[in-house]
Amino acid sequence: MRVGIGYDSHRFASGRPLVLGGVTIAHPSGLAGHSDADAVAHAVTDAILGAAGLGDIGTHFPPDDQRWKNADSIDLLERAVACLAESNYQVVNVDVTVLCEEPRLAPHIPAMCERLAGAIGIAPRHVSVKGKTNEQLGWVGRGEGIAALAVALVSTIEG
């Protein structure tokens, strides 16, 4: 068994949809980034790649590579899971904390768990997503963007 930690953050940007954990959420602003800027999926991708010692999301999907412009981050997560399998690892579980003042995430968490679990190839009960405010402290607390932290447990594939 191996554990990896992932982190990602993006500032809000107008004119883009807000995508978190593969779910589009109604909000006046999306997140700025080269791909769809899904901070949740990016943090999970970094956590699973890190657990297997396979680098990070930027190593596999460089932001200066036009192939990944406006990419669906759930697709990137699926590709990272394929890299894990090639290295004889599988994801056991994932836990994510999303830091934002808005939007309220509770209504979207079941859908996020479903989307992430589907991309990873595990049961939704093995994916946890929690929303937390930053109590109006710092850039997240001022509502300038969203950050996400993720931890993933991976194990070697038997047989």
Foldseek 3Di string as FASTA:
>chain_A
DFKFKFKDKFFWDAPAFAAELNDTDDDRTHTDAQASRHQNLQGQLQTVCVRLVNHGLCVVPPSVDNVRGNHRSLVSSLVSLVVQVVSQKAWQAKEKEKEAPDDDCVVPFQVSLVSNCVSRVHDSVRYHYHYDYPCLDDCRSVGGIMMMMMMIDMDGHDD
